[in-house]
Amino acid sequence: MFQINRQLSKLYSSSALGSLSLTGAWVAILSARGYTLMEIGIAETVFHITSILFEIPSGALADVFGRKKMLIVSSVMCMIGNIIMIFSDSLFMVCLSIAFQALCYNFSSGTGDALAYDSLKIAGMESSFERYESNQLIIYRLYSGISTLCAGLALFMGYKIAYCIDLIICAVQISILFSLREVCAADTTEKSSRVMTGLCRRLILCFRESFVFLSTAKKALGIMLCNSLVGAVDTLLLFFLQAKLLQKGIPQWELGLALFFMQMGGIIGAKLILKFLKRNYKRIFAVSTFLVLAGIFAEHSFLYLVMAFGGFISSMGDDALQVRTNARLQSMFPSEQRATLTSMDSFCFSIVMIVLSPLAGIVFTYW
């Protein structure tokens, strides 16, 4: 008998460990090492370029080879990135480390959701996916917030020790991932004659059927783009607030608390949206967009407390929309290409980030 609660608990535990990191405030760590904001911006660009190149292929690999295997690969990529950062002594090595961190993100984004949804589908509990997604976003925001609280500790003990501790966390995460039950499309749908034995041909088939789906399901593509736009604006706001709060005079010891407070907004949003499951998606999108834009205006305040509150309401709107969007998209996706199509959602996000990042740099610097 399939034990769905045990499966979900392991996915929750893996997400918690994946979000917990002493090096979460990597911008502050690189800045303390003497890297300029321009160099840090280059590293951020490398992250998104890598994501664009490998996001969709990683999803296809998960659909063909197995979601559990690709989650393990994700943690291995993170370990390699941490090792490179420990020995890094140049911008090139920093960028190489960031590229492996991007690969970690690629192989996990969408894969966990696909595994969870098909696991729930086997148990006849697809309607519970929205609650699962809400819990996942709460875990992400909570443990990411705890990680930002550790920013001062990481600077105190040194980045090498901090990244070594992250290696241990990755090892524990891998041990949990090995105990997951693999759930593939073959478990939830009948095998069809279209399934080919050659791995390359199977990958090509997965790509082709995914693009055919999106070409006919324009509504799903529109939802992806709208959600990516809101998410990118919120992400960039929280990213630049790490530096802007210090510029506005916030004491260094309060920075971690402020960043943690902003992450908590996402938890509120992920919980609140569960009370509005029957509301029209367009209305939820409008409210979420308003909250994110309000956060942008608050960022231009002269008071760092107002700026932090702006980050709080922005993350609240972003996560509320994210929960609603993910559940809606998963109900549209066929199981055979679920991870691939979910990766396309992340691909849209990376494209939007590439376009908005330089514009955001100008806006947050000069306006």
Protein backbone atom coordinates (compact mmCIF):
# COMPACT_ATOMS: atom_id res chain seq x y z
CA MET A 1 0.00 0.00 0.00
CA PHE A 2 1.28 3.44 -0.93
CA GLN A 3 2.02 5.47 2.24
CA ILE A 4 1.31 8.99 1.06
CA ASN A 5 1.87 10.69 4.43
CA ARG A 6 5.35 9.20 4.75
CA GLN A 7 6.18 10.23 1.17
CA LEU A 8 5.07 13.82 1.75
CA SER A 9 6.88 14.01 5.09
CA LYS A 10 10.13 13.07 3.38
CA LEU A 11 9.56 15.68 0.69
CA TYR A 12 8.90 18.28 3.40
CA SER A 13 12.09 17.29 5.25
CA SER A 14 14.13 17.46 2.06
CA SER A 15 12.76 20.92 1.28
CA ALA A 16 13.57 22.13 4.79
CA LEU A 17 17.18 20.96 4.50
CA GLY A 18 17.44 22.36 0.97
CA SER A 19 16.32 25.79 2.18
CA LEU A 20 18.47 25.77 5.33
CA SER A 21 21.89 27.23 4.72
CA LEU A 22 24.46 29.26 6.60
CA THR A 23 25.35 30.86 3.27
CA GLY A 24 21.84 31.96 2.29
CA ALA A 25 22.86 35.63 2.36
CA TRP A 26 25.55 34.94 -0.25
CA VAL A 27 25.41 38.54 -1.50
CA ALA A 28 26.56 39.78 1.91
CA ILE A 29 29.23 37.05 2.11
CA LEU A 30 30.71 37.93 -1.29
CA SER A 31 30.58 41.62 -0.42
CA ALA A 32 32.47 40.93 2.81
CA ARG A 33 35.09 39.03 0.76
CA GLY A 34 35.73 42.20 -1.24
CA TYR A 35 33.67 41.57 -4.37
CA THR A 36 31.92 44.63 -5.81
CA LEU A 37 28.18 44.87 -6.51
CA MET A 38 28.98 44.73 -10.23
CA GLU A 39 30.88 41.46 -9.78
CA ILE A 40 28.08 40.07 -7.64
CA GLY A 41 25.65 41.09 -10.38
CA ILE A 42 27.75 39.13 -12.90
CA ALA A 43 27.50 36.05 -10.67
CA GLU A 44 23.72 36.51 -10.48
CA THR A 45 23.58 36.72 -14.28
CA VAL A 46 25.57 33.47 -14.57
CA PHE A 47 22.99 31.83 -12.32
CA HIS A 48 20.10 32.80 -14.58
CA ILE A 49 21.91 32.01 -17.84
CA THR A 50 22.65 28.52 -16.49
CA SER A 51 19.01 28.18 -15.45
CA ILE A 52 17.80 29.12 -18.92
CA LEU A 53 20.08 26.55 -20.56
CA PHE A 54 19.33 23.62 -18.26
CA GLU A 55 15.87 24.25 -16.78
CA ILE A 56 13.78 22.44 -19.40
CA PRO A 57 16.31 19.62 -20.07
CA SER A 58 16.46 18.88 -16.33
CA GLY A 59 12.67 18.53 -16.24
CA ALA A 60 12.72 16.17 -19.21
CA LEU A 61 15.42 14.08 -17.54
CA ALA A 62 13.22 13.82 -14.45
CA ASP A 63 10.27 12.61 -16.53
CA VAL A 64 12.39 10.04 -18.40
CA PHE A 65 14.83 8.80 -15.74
CA GLY A 66 12.81 9.42 -12.58
CA ARG A 67 11.99 12.32 -10.27
CA LYS A 68 13.71 10.80 -7.22
CA LYS A 69 16.99 10.38 -9.11
CA MET A 70 17.00 13.98 -10.29
CA LEU A 71 16.33 15.27 -6.78
CA ILE A 72 19.44 13.39 -5.67
CA VAL A 73 21.38 14.86 -8.60
CA SER A 74 20.21 18.30 -7.45
CA SER A 75 21.77 17.83 -4.01
CA VAL A 76 25.00 16.54 -5.59
CA MET A 77 25.17 19.70 -7.74
CA CYS A 78 24.79 21.79 -4.58
CA MET A 79 27.65 19.92 -2.90
CA ILE A 80 29.93 20.48 -5.90
CA GLY A 81 29.04 24.18 -5.89
CA ASN A 82 29.85 24.44 -2.17
CA ILE A 83 33.21 22.70 -2.62
CA ILE A 84 34.17 25.06 -5.45
CA MET A 85 33.18 28.09 -3.36
CA ILE A 86 35.34 26.89 -0.46
CA PHE A 87 38.42 26.91 -2.69
CA SER A 88 37.40 29.92 -4.79
CA ASP A 89 39.98 32.69 -5.14
CA SER A 90 38.67 34.52 -8.21
CA LEU A 91 35.45 35.76 -9.78
CA PHE A 92 35.64 32.90 -12.30
CA MET A 93 35.55 30.27 -9.55
CA VAL A 94 32.74 32.13 -7.78
CA CYS A 95 30.72 32.16 -11.01
CA LEU A 96 31.46 28.44 -11.53
CA SER A 97 30.16 27.72 -8.03
CA ILE A 98 27.05 29.79 -8.69
CA ALA A 99 26.51 27.86 -11.95
CA PHE A 100 26.42 24.58 -10.01
CA GLN A 101 24.01 26.16 -7.53
CA ALA A 102 21.82 27.02 -10.52
CA LEU A 103 21.98 23.38 -11.65
CA CYS A 104 20.91 22.39 -8.15
CA TYR A 105 17.90 24.65 -8.56
CA ASN A 106 17.18 23.33 -12.08
CA PHE A 107 17.13 19.66 -11.11
CA SER A 108 14.89 20.28 -8.10
CA SER A 109 12.49 22.91 -9.45
CA GLY A 110 9.35 21.23 -10.65
CA THR A 111 10.68 17.75 -9.92
CA GLY A 112 9.53 17.70 -6.32
CA ASP A 113 6.12 19.09 -7.26
CA ALA A 114 5.73 16.50 -10.01
CA LEU A 115 6.63 13.68 -7.62
CA ALA A 116 4.25 15.01 -4.97
CA TYR A 117 1.31 15.51 -7.34
CA ASP A 118 1.59 12.05 -8.89
CA SER A 119 2.01 10.55 -5.41
CA LEU A 120 -1.21 12.27 -4.34
CA LYS A 121 -2.82 11.09 -7.57
CA ILE A 122 -2.03 7.47 -6.75
CA ALA A 123 -3.66 7.99 -3.34
CA GLY A 124 -6.67 9.71 -4.95
CA MET A 125 -5.87 12.95 -3.10
CA GLU A 126 -5.06 15.40 -5.92
CA SER A 127 -7.29 18.01 -4.28
CA SER A 128 -4.79 18.19 -1.40
CA PHE A 129 -1.99 19.47 -3.63
CA GLU A 130 -2.78 23.13 -2.95
CA ARG A 131 -2.32 22.54 0.78
CA TYR A 132 0.92 20.66 0.06
CA GLU A 133 2.18 23.55 -2.06
CA SER A 134 1.25 26.02 0.67
CA ASN A 135 3.20 23.97 3.23
CA GLN A 136 6.20 23.82 0.89
CA LEU A 137 6.28 27.58 0.44
CA ILE A 138 5.96 28.05 4.21
CA ILE A 139 8.92 25.71 4.72
CA TYR A 140 10.92 27.59 2.08
CA ARG A 141 10.23 31.02 3.56
CA LEU A 142 10.75 29.88 7.18
CA TYR A 143 14.06 28.12 6.62
CA SER A 144 15.28 30.75 4.16
CA GLY A 145 14.47 33.31 6.85
CA ILE A 146 16.42 31.31 9.42
CA SER A 147 19.29 31.20 6.94
CA THR A 148 19.33 34.98 6.64
CA LEU A 149 19.40 35.22 10.43
CA CYS A 150 22.63 33.22 10.24
CA ALA A 151 24.24 35.80 7.95
CA GLY A 152 26.14 37.38 10.82
CA LEU A 153 27.24 33.96 12.10
CA ALA A 154 28.56 33.01 8.65
CA LEU A 155 30.56 36.24 8.44
CA PHE A 156 31.90 35.67 11.97
CA MET A 157 33.05 32.07 11.46
CA GLY A 158 34.23 32.62 7.89
CA TYR A 159 32.72 31.57 4.60
CA LYS A 160 34.82 28.37 4.31
CA ILE A 161 33.48 26.91 7.55
CA ALA A 162 29.95 28.03 6.62
CA TYR A 163 30.11 26.22 3.27
CA CYS A 164 31.54 23.11 4.97
CA ILE A 165 28.49 23.03 7.25
CA ASP A 166 26.28 23.34 4.17
CA LEU A 167 28.02 20.25 2.77
CA ILE A 168 26.93 18.27 5.83
CA ILE A 169 23.35 19.49 5.40
CA CYS A 170 23.40 18.32 1.76
CA ALA A 171 24.62 14.88 2.81
CA VAL A 172 21.73 14.52 5.26
CA GLN A 173 19.29 15.65 2.56
CA ILE A 174 20.59 13.00 0.14
CA SER A 175 20.05 10.26 2.74
CA ILE A 176 16.39 11.32 2.98
CA LEU A 177 15.95 11.46 -0.79
CA PHE A 178 17.23 7.88 -1.18
CA SER A 179 14.34 6.70 1.00
CA LEU A 180 11.65 8.25 -1.25
CA ARG A 181 9.46 6.03 -3.40
CA GLU A 182 9.84 6.70 -7.11
CA VAL A 183 6.57 7.62 -8.83
CA CYS A 184 6.69 7.86 -12.62
CA ALA A 185 4.11 8.43 -15.28
CA ALA A 186 3.90 4.66 -15.75
CA ASP A 187 2.49 4.40 -12.22
CA THR A 188 -0.43 6.69 -12.95
CA THR A 189 -1.22 6.22 -16.64
CA GLU A 190 -1.35 3.25 -18.99
CA LYS A 191 1.74 2.57 -21.00
CA SER A 192 1.29 3.60 -24.57
CA SER A 193 2.92 2.58 -27.81
CA ARG A 194 4.50 6.05 -27.97
CA VAL A 195 6.94 5.14 -25.20
CA MET A 196 10.27 4.35 -26.90
CA THR A 197 13.15 2.29 -25.62
CA GLY A 198 15.98 4.59 -26.74
CA LEU A 199 16.74 7.16 -24.05
CA CYS A 200 17.54 9.94 -26.53
CA ARG A 201 14.35 9.23 -28.45
CA ARG A 202 12.38 9.25 -25.22
CA LEU A 203 13.84 12.66 -24.31
CA ILE A 204 12.98 14.02 -27.74
CA LEU A 205 9.46 12.64 -27.43
CA CYS A 206 9.05 14.23 -24.00
CA PHE A 207 10.20 17.61 -25.33
CA ARG A 208 7.95 17.40 -28.37
CA GLU A 209 4.82 16.42 -26.49
CA SER A 210 5.44 19.15 -23.90
CA PHE A 211 5.72 21.86 -26.56
CA VAL A 212 2.67 20.47 -28.35
CA PHE A 213 0.76 20.74 -25.08
CA LEU A 214 1.79 24.37 -24.54
CA SER A 215 0.97 25.28 -28.14
CA THR A 216 -2.61 24.14 -27.57
CA ALA A 217 -2.94 25.14 -23.90
CA LYS A 218 -2.29 28.87 -24.28
CA LYS A 219 -4.11 29.53 -21.01
CA ALA A 220 -1.46 27.56 -19.11
CA LEU A 221 1.31 29.51 -20.86
CA GLY A 222 -0.36 32.81 -19.98
CA ILE A 223 -0.61 31.79 -16.32
CA MET A 224 3.11 30.89 -16.33
CA LEU A 225 4.11 34.29 -17.71
CA CYS A 226 1.89 36.28 -15.33
CA ASN A 227 3.13 34.35 -12.30
CA SER A 228 6.76 34.71 -13.41
CA LEU A 229 6.43 38.47 -13.77
CA VAL A 230 5.07 38.93 -10.25
CA GLY A 231 7.60 36.48 -8.79
CA ALA A 232 10.55 38.16 -10.53
CA VAL A 233 9.63 41.62 -9.26
CA ASP A 234 9.31 40.31 -5.69
CA THR A 235 12.60 38.39 -5.93
CA LEU A 236 14.49 41.43 -7.22
CA LEU A 237 12.98 43.64 -4.53
CA LEU A 238 14.10 41.32 -1.73
CA PHE A 239 17.49 40.89 -3.41
CA PHE A 240 18.26 44.62 -3.57
CA LEU A 241 16.82 45.30 -0.12
CA GLN A 242 19.80 43.41 1.34
CA ALA A 243 21.98 46.34 0.27
CA LYS A 244 19.42 49.17 0.38
CA LEU A 245 18.50 48.60 4.03
CA LEU A 246 22.13 49.10 5.03
CA GLN A 247 22.30 52.25 2.91
CA LYS A 248 19.28 53.64 4.74
CA GLY A 249 20.99 53.20 8.10
CA ILE A 250 19.69 49.94 9.52
CA PRO A 251 22.14 48.61 12.15
CA GLN A 252 24.03 45.53 10.94
CA TRP A 253 22.73 43.40 13.81
CA GLU A 254 19.15 44.21 12.74
CA LEU A 255 19.66 43.29 9.08
CA GLY A 256 19.15 39.56 9.65
CA LEU A 257 15.97 40.27 11.63
CA ALA A 258 14.64 42.52 8.87
CA LEU A 259 15.34 39.91 6.17
CA PHE A 260 13.69 37.23 8.32
CA PHE A 261 10.65 39.47 8.83
CA MET A 262 10.29 39.95 5.07
CA GLN A 263 10.41 36.19 4.49
CA MET A 264 7.60 35.75 7.02
CA GLY A 265 5.31 37.69 4.70
CA GLY A 266 5.43 34.72 2.34
CA ILE A 267 4.24 32.41 5.11
CA ILE A 268 1.23 34.65 5.76
CA GLY A 269 0.42 34.75 2.04
CA ALA A 270 0.73 30.98 1.61
CA LYS A 271 -1.64 30.42 4.53
CA LEU A 272 -4.17 33.12 3.65
CA ILE A 273 -4.66 31.87 0.09
CA LEU A 274 -6.05 28.57 1.40
CA LYS A 275 -9.09 30.54 2.62
CA PHE A 276 -9.76 31.85 -0.89
CA LEU A 277 -9.49 28.69 -3.01
CA LYS A 278 -12.75 29.41 -4.84
CA ARG A 279 -11.88 33.00 -5.73
CA ASN A 280 -11.34 33.95 -9.36
CA TYR A 281 -7.68 33.63 -10.44
CA LYS A 282 -7.70 37.07 -12.08
CA ARG A 283 -8.74 38.71 -8.81
CA ILE A 284 -6.01 36.90 -6.90
CA PHE A 285 -3.49 37.98 -9.54
CA ALA A 286 -4.67 41.61 -9.28
CA VAL A 287 -4.39 41.68 -5.48
CA SER A 288 -0.98 39.99 -5.53
CA THR A 289 0.31 42.44 -8.15
CA PHE A 290 -0.93 45.38 -6.07
CA LEU A 291 0.90 44.08 -2.97
CA VAL A 292 4.18 43.61 -4.88
CA LEU A 293 3.95 47.09 -6.43
CA ALA A 294 3.20 48.55 -2.99
CA GLY A 295 6.42 46.89 -1.79
CA ILE A 296 8.32 48.59 -4.62
CA PHE A 297 7.02 52.01 -3.60
CA ALA A 298 7.81 51.31 0.07
CA GLU A 299 11.40 50.49 -0.93
CA HIS A 300 11.85 54.14 -1.90
CA SER A 301 10.97 55.34 1.58
CA PHE A 302 13.55 57.09 3.72
CA LEU A 303 12.66 54.82 6.66
CA TYR A 304 14.14 51.33 6.73
CA LEU A 305 11.20 50.05 8.80
CA VAL A 306 8.81 51.05 6.00
CA MET A 307 11.13 49.43 3.45
CA ALA A 308 11.15 46.17 5.42
CA PHE A 309 7.35 46.23 5.64
CA GLY A 310 7.25 46.70 1.88
CA GLY A 311 9.31 43.54 1.45
CA PHE A 312 6.93 41.76 3.84
CA ILE A 313 3.75 42.55 1.88
CA SER A 314 5.49 41.89 -1.43
CA SER A 315 6.50 38.36 -0.44
CA MET A 316 3.00 37.85 0.96
CA GLY A 317 1.42 38.64 -2.41
CA ASP A 318 4.01 36.61 -4.33
CA ASP A 319 3.58 33.40 -2.32
CA ALA A 320 -0.21 33.64 -2.30
CA LEU A 321 -0.18 33.78 -6.10
CA GLN A 322 2.46 31.04 -6.31
CA VAL A 323 0.35 28.56 -4.35
CA ARG A 324 -2.72 29.27 -6.45
CA THR A 325 -0.75 29.13 -9.70
CA ASN A 326 1.10 25.88 -8.98
CA ALA A 327 -2.05 24.03 -8.03
CA ARG A 328 -3.87 25.28 -11.11
CA LEU A 329 -1.04 24.36 -13.47
CA GLN A 330 -0.53 20.89 -12.01
CA SER A 331 -4.20 20.08 -12.62
CA MET A 332 -3.66 20.98 -16.31
CA PHE A 333 -0.41 19.05 -16.89
CA PRO A 334 -0.36 15.44 -18.16
CA SER A 335 1.60 13.12 -15.84
CA GLU A 336 3.99 11.98 -18.59
CA GLN A 337 5.43 15.51 -18.99
CA ARG A 338 4.64 16.94 -15.56
CA ALA A 339 8.24 17.69 -14.50
CA THR A 340 9.13 19.03 -17.96
CA LEU A 341 6.16 21.39 -18.05
CA THR A 342 6.75 22.53 -14.47
CA SER A 343 10.35 23.27 -15.47
CA MET A 344 9.00 25.40 -18.31
CA ASP A 345 7.28 27.49 -15.66
CA SER A 346 10.68 28.02 -13.99
CA PHE A 347 12.19 28.69 -17.43
CA CYS A 348 9.70 31.54 -17.93
CA PHE A 349 10.78 32.94 -14.57
CA SER A 350 14.46 32.91 -15.59
CA ILE A 351 13.69 34.66 -18.88
CA VAL A 352 11.77 37.39 -17.07
CA MET A 353 14.59 37.73 -14.52
CA ILE A 354 17.19 38.18 -17.29
CA VAL A 355 15.10 40.99 -18.80
CA LEU A 356 14.19 42.71 -15.52
CA SER A 357 17.50 42.38 -13.60
CA PRO A 358 19.38 45.21 -15.39
CA LEU A 359 16.27 47.41 -15.35
CA ALA A 360 15.83 46.75 -11.63
CA GLY A 361 19.47 47.69 -11.03
CA ILE A 362 18.85 51.08 -12.62
CA VAL A 363 15.55 51.62 -10.78
CA PHE A 364 16.85 50.66 -7.33
CA THR A 365 20.11 52.60 -7.80
CA TYR A 366 18.89 55.88 -9.24
CA TRP A 367 15.20 56.16 -8.36
